[in-house]
Amino acid sequence: MEILYEEPGNGFIGISWNESLDNWEMHIECNSWSHTKFKRYLQGLEKAKTTLRERGIERVFGICASKKERKFNIVFGAKEVPSGIVLTEDGILNYLTVLEI
């Protein structure tokens, strides 16, 4: 995984190539949450999106284990993928979201 934005001790925004999706997957991890941290993560996401645009990446997917995680991705601008449930390598069904860069 490549980290595009990091808050030391709290979390990060990163991407990795997902062979099953044949596309990029975004990972957002945040251990402690507040309105101030949300604003910082939004700024970090904009920096990450700039980096992705410079590389020619037009969209990234999010794989969410729960509806709560899916809602978290949507707060960051991702959209639900219609009929977007995927079976991951570990045999678990997950919700799929997409973020257009």
Protein backbone atom coordinates (compact mmCIF):
# COMPACT_ATOMS: atom_id res chain seq x y z
CA MET A 1 0.00 0.00 0.00
CA GLU A 2 1.15 3.50 -0.78
CA ILE A 3 0.36 6.19 1.81
CA LEU A 4 -0.77 9.48 0.24
CA TYR A 5 -1.61 11.34 3.47
CA GLU A 6 -0.80 10.48 7.04
CA GLU A 7 -1.64 11.72 10.50
CA PRO A 8 1.05 10.15 12.69
CA GLY A 9 -0.50 8.15 15.49
CA ASN A 10 -4.01 8.49 14.08
CA GLY A 11 -4.35 7.14 10.56
CA PHE A 12 -3.82 7.62 6.86
CA ILE A 13 -5.20 7.76 3.34
CA GLY A 14 -3.59 5.28 0.98
CA ILE A 15 -4.09 3.35 -2.24
CA SER A 16 -3.29 -0.12 -3.48
CA TRP A 17 -3.91 -2.03 -6.69
CA ASN A 18 -6.78 -4.51 -6.36
CA GLU A 19 -6.34 -7.40 -8.79
CA SER A 20 -9.95 -8.59 -8.36
CA LEU A 21 -11.37 -5.18 -9.27
CA ASP A 22 -8.62 -4.53 -11.83
CA ASN A 23 -8.51 -1.03 -10.40
CA TRP A 24 -7.19 1.11 -7.56
CA GLU A 25 -8.58 0.76 -4.06
CA MET A 26 -8.47 3.60 -1.52
CA HIS A 27 -7.93 2.98 2.17
CA ILE A 28 -8.89 5.54 4.79
CA GLU A 29 -8.06 4.77 8.38
CA CYS A 30 -8.80 7.04 11.29
CA ASN A 31 -8.41 5.87 14.89
CA SER A 32 -9.61 9.02 16.65
CA TRP A 33 -12.33 11.21 15.19
CA SER A 34 -13.41 14.84 15.68
CA HIS A 35 -14.71 17.68 13.55
CA THR A 36 -11.22 19.21 13.42
CA LYS A 37 -9.67 15.93 12.32
CA PHE A 38 -12.38 15.51 9.70
CA LYS A 39 -11.42 18.88 8.21
CA ARG A 40 -7.73 17.85 8.14
CA TYR A 41 -8.59 14.57 6.46
CA LEU A 42 -10.64 16.42 3.83
CA GLN A 43 -7.58 18.56 3.10
CA GLY A 44 -5.44 15.43 3.02
CA LEU A 45 -7.89 13.83 0.61
CA GLU A 46 -7.62 16.83 -1.72
CA LYS A 47 -3.82 16.48 -1.71
CA ALA A 48 -4.18 12.75 -2.39
CA LYS A 49 -6.61 13.43 -5.26
CA THR A 50 -4.14 15.90 -6.79
CA THR A 51 -1.43 13.22 -6.68
CA LEU A 52 -3.80 10.69 -8.27
CA ARG A 53 -4.83 13.11 -11.03
CA GLU A 54 -1.17 13.75 -11.83
CA ARG A 55 -0.75 9.99 -12.29
CA GLY A 56 -3.79 9.76 -14.55
CA ILE A 57 -5.90 7.86 -12.03
CA GLU A 58 -9.52 8.86 -12.56
CA ARG A 59 -11.29 6.80 -9.90
CA VAL A 60 -10.64 4.63 -6.89
CA PHE A 61 -12.85 2.08 -5.21
CA GLY A 62 -13.56 1.54 -1.53
CA ILE A 63 -14.40 -1.84 -0.05
CA CYS A 64 -16.51 -1.46 3.07
CA ALA A 65 -17.23 -4.27 5.53
CA SER A 66 -20.28 -2.52 7.02
CA LYS A 67 -22.91 0.10 6.24
CA LYS A 68 -21.15 2.37 8.75
CA GLU A 69 -17.90 2.12 6.77
CA ARG A 70 -19.81 2.74 3.55
CA LYS A 71 -21.35 5.89 5.08
CA PHE A 72 -17.86 6.99 6.17
CA ASN A 73 -16.66 6.71 2.55
CA ILE A 74 -19.69 8.66 1.33
CA VAL A 75 -18.87 11.49 3.76
CA PHE A 76 -15.57 11.79 1.86
CA GLY A 77 -17.36 12.11 -1.49
CA ALA A 78 -17.54 8.49 -2.60
CA LYS A 79 -20.71 7.18 -4.20
CA GLU A 80 -22.40 3.83 -3.74
CA VAL A 81 -21.95 1.47 -6.63
CA PRO A 82 -25.39 0.17 -7.75
CA SER A 83 -25.60 -3.53 -6.89
CA GLY A 84 -22.16 -2.94 -5.40
CA ILE A 85 -21.56 -5.93 -3.21
CA VAL A 86 -18.31 -7.79 -3.79
CA LEU A 87 -16.93 -11.04 -2.47
CA THR A 88 -13.40 -10.45 -1.25
CA GLU A 89 -10.58 -12.99 -1.17
CA ASP A 90 -11.37 -13.79 2.46
CA GLY A 91 -14.86 -14.97 1.44
CA ILE A 92 -16.71 -12.01 2.97
CA LEU A 93 -19.32 -9.90 1.18
CA ASN A 94 -18.48 -6.18 1.27
CA TYR A 95 -20.08 -2.96 0.01
CA LEU A 96 -18.38 -1.21 -2.89
CA THR A 97 -18.04 2.56 -3.26
CA VAL A 98 -16.33 4.64 -5.93
CA LEU A 99 -14.62 8.03 -5.69
CA GLU A 100 -14.27 9.92 -8.96
CA ILE A 101 -11.05 11.90 -8.99
